[in-house]
């Protein structure tokens, strides 16, 4: 496999998917995974969530997760390991995720200091609508709430 491939959570056990997502998040986020492996397992068990792994050259290099209730979707995680960042993988993951949604509103939160992610989200049509003060920890930081409306 030399091209990007999405593998949905349904193709693996909940334990396998939780472990892979936890390991990827630990590598991708500067301060390690914001969620424990048990949190990923609990999230994967919900009927409202959907997870997909990004595979590249026989290895998982990232993932995206979302939760959808009625016509509202929240992107809960998007992560790509550092070796593969700034190569279009996160953009590909996000646009593939958005293409699966037919209509409604999509929300996400991003650290105020994460300029690269903000640029990616704006490129995909998201707009900042609010700020959550002191939302993130280690270090404490505001979160931007961003929204995209899909017609």
C-alpha atoms as a PDB file:
ATOM      1  CA  UNK A   1       0.000   0.000   0.000  1.00  0.00           C
ATOM      2  CA  UNK A   2       1.613   3.252  -1.099  1.00  0.00           C
ATOM      3  CA  UNK A   3      -1.489   5.444  -1.018  1.00  0.00           C
ATOM      4  CA  UNK A   4      -3.507   6.705   1.887  1.00  0.00           C
ATOM      5  CA  UNK A   5      -6.169   4.344   3.147  1.00  0.00           C
ATOM      6  CA  UNK A   6      -8.917   4.795   5.717  1.00  0.00           C
ATOM      7  CA  UNK A   7      -9.692   1.927   8.054  1.00  0.00           C
ATOM      8  CA  UNK A   8     -12.891   2.314  10.057  1.00  0.00           C
ATOM      9  CA  UNK A   9     -13.251   1.208  13.658  1.00  0.00           C
ATOM     10  CA  UNK A  10     -15.609  -1.563  12.599  1.00  0.00           C
ATOM     11  CA  UNK A  11     -12.690  -3.389  10.953  1.00  0.00           C
ATOM     12  CA  UNK A  12     -10.881  -3.828  14.300  1.00  0.00           C
ATOM     13  CA  UNK A  13     -11.874  -4.759  17.823  1.00  0.00           C
ATOM     14  CA  UNK A  14     -12.647  -1.903  20.202  1.00  0.00           C
ATOM     15  CA  UNK A  15      -9.514  -2.838  22.182  1.00  0.00           C
ATOM     16  CA  UNK A  16      -7.290  -2.752  19.077  1.00  0.00           C
ATOM     17  CA  UNK A  17      -8.701   0.551  17.870  1.00  0.00           C
ATOM     18  CA  UNK A  18      -8.435   2.165  21.309  1.00  0.00           C
ATOM     19  CA  UNK A  19      -4.841   1.018  21.674  1.00  0.00           C
ATOM     20  CA  UNK A  20      -3.819   2.283  18.218  1.00  0.00           C
ATOM     21  CA  UNK A  21      -5.568   5.653  18.703  1.00  0.00           C
ATOM     22  CA  UNK A  22      -4.005   6.083  22.135  1.00  0.00           C
ATOM     23  CA  UNK A  23      -0.533   5.316  20.778  1.00  0.00           C
ATOM     24  CA  UNK A  24      -1.000   7.674  17.823  1.00  0.00           C
ATOM     25  CA  UNK A  25      -2.324  10.473  20.058  1.00  0.00           C
ATOM     26  CA  UNK A  26       0.572   9.996  22.480  1.00  0.00           C
ATOM     27  CA  UNK A  27       3.005  10.532  19.621  1.00  0.00           C
ATOM     28  CA  UNK A  28       1.042  13.253  17.799  1.00  0.00           C
ATOM     29  CA  UNK A  29       0.191  15.691  20.588  1.00  0.00           C
ATOM     30  CA  UNK A  30       3.068  17.722  22.072  1.00  0.00           C
ATOM     31  CA  UNK A  31       2.043  16.879  25.652  1.00  0.00           C
ATOM     32  CA  UNK A  32       0.984  13.302  24.944  1.00  0.00           C
ATOM     33  CA  UNK A  33      -2.489  11.917  24.496  1.00  0.00           C
ATOM     34  CA  UNK A  34      -5.232  14.092  25.992  1.00  0.00           C
ATOM     35  CA  UNK A  35      -7.243  10.903  26.571  1.00  0.00           C
ATOM     36  CA  UNK A  36      -6.371   7.663  28.343  1.00  0.00           C
ATOM     37  CA  UNK A  37      -6.763   4.394  26.462  1.00  0.00           C
ATOM     38  CA  UNK A  38      -9.835   3.615  28.596  1.00  0.00           C
ATOM     39  CA  UNK A  39     -11.392   6.907  27.432  1.00  0.00           C
ATOM     40  CA  UNK A  40     -10.908   5.879  23.809  1.00  0.00           C
ATOM     41  CA  UNK A  41     -12.502   2.486  24.577  1.00  0.00           C
ATOM     42  CA  UNK A  42     -15.521   4.121  26.221  1.00  0.00           C
ATOM     43  CA  UNK A  43     -15.896   6.579  23.337  1.00  0.00           C
ATOM     44  CA  UNK A  44     -15.632   3.820  20.737  1.00  0.00           C
ATOM     45  CA  UNK A  45     -18.462   1.935  22.478  1.00  0.00           C
ATOM     46  CA  UNK A  46     -20.912   4.800  21.883  1.00  0.00           C
ATOM     47  CA  UNK A  47     -23.306   4.483  18.946  1.00  0.00           C
ATOM     48  CA  UNK A  48     -22.850   8.167  18.101  1.00  0.00           C
ATOM     49  CA  UNK A  49     -19.094   7.984  17.456  1.00  0.00           C
ATOM     50  CA  UNK A  50     -17.138   7.110  14.349  1.00  0.00           C
ATOM     51  CA  UNK A  51     -13.373   6.539  14.163  1.00  0.00           C
ATOM     52  CA  UNK A  52     -11.116   6.085  11.171  1.00  0.00           C
ATOM     53  CA  UNK A  53      -7.419   5.307  11.011  1.00  0.00           C
ATOM     54  CA  UNK A  54      -5.175   6.711   8.316  1.00  0.00           C
ATOM     55  CA  UNK A  55      -2.802   4.064   6.990  1.00  0.00           C
ATOM     56  CA  UNK A  56       0.209   4.978   4.901  1.00  0.00           C
ATOM     57  CA  UNK A  57       2.758   2.465   3.605  1.00  0.00           C
ATOM     58  CA  UNK A  58       1.485  -0.380   5.820  1.00  0.00           C
ATOM     59  CA  UNK A  59       1.382   1.643   9.050  1.00  0.00           C
ATOM     60  CA  UNK A  60      -1.250   3.663  10.902  1.00  0.00           C
ATOM     61  CA  UNK A  61      -0.029   7.274  10.993  1.00  0.00           C
ATOM     62  CA  UNK A  62      -3.101   9.131  12.170  1.00  0.00           C
ATOM     63  CA  UNK A  63      -6.775   9.042  12.981  1.00  0.00           C
ATOM     64  CA  UNK A  64      -9.899  11.143  13.123  1.00  0.00           C
ATOM     65  CA  UNK A  65     -12.903  10.707  15.379  1.00  0.00           C
ATOM     66  CA  UNK A  66     -16.273  12.340  15.430  1.00  0.00           C
ATOM     67  CA  UNK A  67     -19.530  12.215  17.315  1.00  0.00           C
ATOM     68  CA  UNK A  68     -22.806  12.854  15.524  1.00  0.00           C
ATOM     69  CA  UNK A  69     -26.195  13.484  17.112  1.00  0.00           C
ATOM     70  CA  UNK A  70     -28.974  14.311  14.669  1.00  0.00           C
ATOM     71  CA  UNK A  71     -27.527  16.965  12.337  1.00  0.00           C
ATOM     72  CA  UNK A  72     -24.654  18.097  14.576  1.00  0.00           C
ATOM     73  CA  UNK A  73     -21.183  16.589  14.406  1.00  0.00           C
ATOM     74  CA  UNK A  74     -18.221  17.274  16.632  1.00  0.00           C
ATOM     75  CA  UNK A  75     -14.726  16.387  15.485  1.00  0.00           C
ATOM     76  CA  UNK A  76     -13.332  15.069  18.765  1.00  0.00           C
ATOM     77  CA  UNK A  77      -9.797  14.169  17.642  1.00  0.00           C
ATOM     78  CA  UNK A  78      -7.605  14.542  14.613  1.00  0.00           C
ATOM     79  CA  UNK A  79      -4.025  13.416  14.961  1.00  0.00           C
ATOM     80  CA  UNK A  80      -1.092  12.643  12.682  1.00  0.00           C
ATOM     81  CA  UNK A  81       2.263  11.496  14.074  1.00  0.00           C
ATOM     82  CA  UNK A  82       5.041  14.112  13.785  1.00  0.00           C
ATOM     83  CA  UNK A  83       7.039  12.280  11.101  1.00  0.00           C
ATOM     84  CA  UNK A  84       4.083  12.647   8.733  1.00  0.00           C
ATOM     85  CA  UNK A  85       2.858  16.116   9.684  1.00  0.00           C
ATOM     86  CA  UNK A  86       2.943  18.983   7.144  1.00  0.00           C
ATOM     87  CA  UNK A  87       2.517  16.535   4.246  1.00  0.00           C
ATOM     88  CA  UNK A  88      -1.218  16.936   3.650  1.00  0.00           C
ATOM     89  CA  UNK A  89      -2.323  13.917   5.692  1.00  0.00           C
ATOM     90  CA  UNK A  90      -4.454  15.867   8.201  1.00  0.00           C
ATOM     91  CA  UNK A  91      -6.109  17.790   5.362  1.00  0.00           C
ATOM     92  CA  UNK A  92      -6.838  14.502   3.593  1.00  0.00           C
ATOM     93  CA  UNK A  93      -8.255  12.970   6.798  1.00  0.00           C
ATOM     94  CA  UNK A  94     -10.472  15.958   7.527  1.00  0.00           C
ATOM     95  CA  UNK A  95     -11.800  16.334   3.991  1.00  0.00           C
ATOM     96  CA  UNK A  96     -12.516  12.581   3.819  1.00  0.00           C
ATOM     97  CA  UNK A  97     -14.447  12.858   7.083  1.00  0.00           C
ATOM     98  CA  UNK A  98     -16.396  15.916   5.945  1.00  0.00           C
ATOM     99  CA  UNK A  99     -17.253  14.244   2.621  1.00  0.00           C
ATOM    100  CA  UNK A 100     -19.105  11.530   4.556  1.00  0.00           C
ATOM    101  CA  UNK A 101     -21.471  14.102   6.084  1.00  0.00           C
ATOM    102  CA  UNK A 102     -24.459  15.099   3.998  1.00  0.00           C
ATOM    103  CA  UNK A 103     -25.761  18.129   5.890  1.00  0.00           C
ATOM    104  CA  UNK A 104     -25.666  19.846   9.243  1.00  0.00           C
ATOM    105  CA  UNK A 105     -23.217  21.655  11.442  1.00  0.00           C
ATOM    106  CA  UNK A 106     -19.715  20.493  12.330  1.00  0.00           C
ATOM    107  CA  UNK A 107     -17.899  21.793  15.403  1.00  0.00           C
ATOM    108  CA  UNK A 108     -14.390  21.380  16.741  1.00  0.00           C
ATOM    109  CA  UNK A 109     -12.115  22.914  19.352  1.00  0.00           C
ATOM    110  CA  UNK A 110      -8.502  23.918  18.838  1.00  0.00           C
ATOM    111  CA  UNK A 111      -5.837  25.397  21.076  1.00  0.00           C
ATOM    112  CA  UNK A 112      -5.468  29.154  20.628  1.00  0.00           C
ATOM    113  CA  UNK A 113      -1.737  28.620  20.004  1.00  0.00           C
ATOM    114  CA  UNK A 114      -2.140  25.859  17.407  1.00  0.00           C
ATOM    115  CA  UNK A 115      -1.788  28.046  14.340  1.00  0.00           C
ATOM    116  CA  UNK A 116      -1.145  25.155  11.931  1.00  0.00           C
ATOM    117  CA  UNK A 117      -4.388  23.426  12.932  1.00  0.00           C
ATOM    118  CA  UNK A 118      -6.326  26.692  12.753  1.00  0.00           C
ATOM    119  CA  UNK A 119      -5.030  27.252   9.236  1.00  0.00           C
ATOM    120  CA  UNK A 120      -6.062  23.712   8.247  1.00  0.00           C
ATOM    121  CA  UNK A 121      -9.553  24.196   9.659  1.00  0.00           C
ATOM    122  CA  UNK A 122     -10.021  27.546   7.935  1.00  0.00           C
ATOM    123  CA  UNK A 123      -8.839  25.945   4.668  1.00  0.00           C
ATOM    124  CA  UNK A 124     -11.598  23.363   5.127  1.00  0.00           C
ATOM    125  CA  UNK A 125     -14.244  26.043   5.654  1.00  0.00           C
ATOM    126  CA  UNK A 126     -14.380  26.308   9.450  1.00  0.00           C
ATOM    127  CA  UNK A 127     -14.877  29.694  11.103  1.00  0.00           C
ATOM    128  CA  UNK A 128     -14.139  30.678  14.704  1.00  0.00           C
ATOM    129  CA  UNK A 129     -17.394  31.337  16.572  1.00  0.00           C
ATOM    130  CA  UNK A 130     -16.367  31.486  20.236  1.00  0.00           C
ATOM    131  CA  UNK A 131     -13.596  31.067  22.785  1.00  0.00           C
ATOM    132  CA  UNK A 132     -13.585  28.753  25.810  1.00  0.00           C
ATOM    133  CA  UNK A 133     -11.294  30.331  28.359  1.00  0.00           C
ATOM    134  CA  UNK A 134      -8.778  28.056  30.122  1.00  0.00           C
ATOM    135  CA  UNK A 135     -10.288  24.994  28.401  1.00  0.00           C
ATOM    136  CA  UNK A 136      -6.999  23.135  27.892  1.00  0.00           C
ATOM    137  CA  UNK A 137      -4.531  22.097  30.590  1.00  0.00           C
ATOM    138  CA  UNK A 138      -0.802  21.297  30.556  1.00  0.00           C
ATOM    139  CA  UNK A 139      -0.413  24.126  29.724  1.00  0.00           C
ATOM    140  CA  UNK A 140      -3.613  25.999  30.496  1.00  0.00           C
ATOM    141  CA  UNK A 141      -4.872  27.640  27.355  1.00  0.00           C
ATOM    142  CA  UNK A 142      -7.994  28.936  25.664  1.00  0.00           C
ATOM    143  CA  UNK A 143      -9.793  26.911  23.031  1.00  0.00           C
ATOM    144  CA  UNK A 144     -11.253  28.308  19.858  1.00  0.00           C
ATOM    145  CA  UNK A 145     -14.612  26.829  18.978  1.00  0.00           C
ATOM    146  CA  UNK A 146     -14.884  26.551  15.209  1.00  0.00           C
ATOM    147  CA  UNK A 147     -17.878  25.665  13.058  1.00  0.00           C
ATOM    148  CA  UNK A 148     -18.593  24.617   9.490  1.00  0.00           C
ATOM    149  CA  UNK A 149     -22.081  24.411   8.040  1.00  0.00           C
ATOM    150  CA  UNK A 150     -22.645  21.715   5.440  1.00  0.00           C
ATOM    151  CA  UNK A 151     -25.611  22.311   3.112  1.00  0.00           C
END
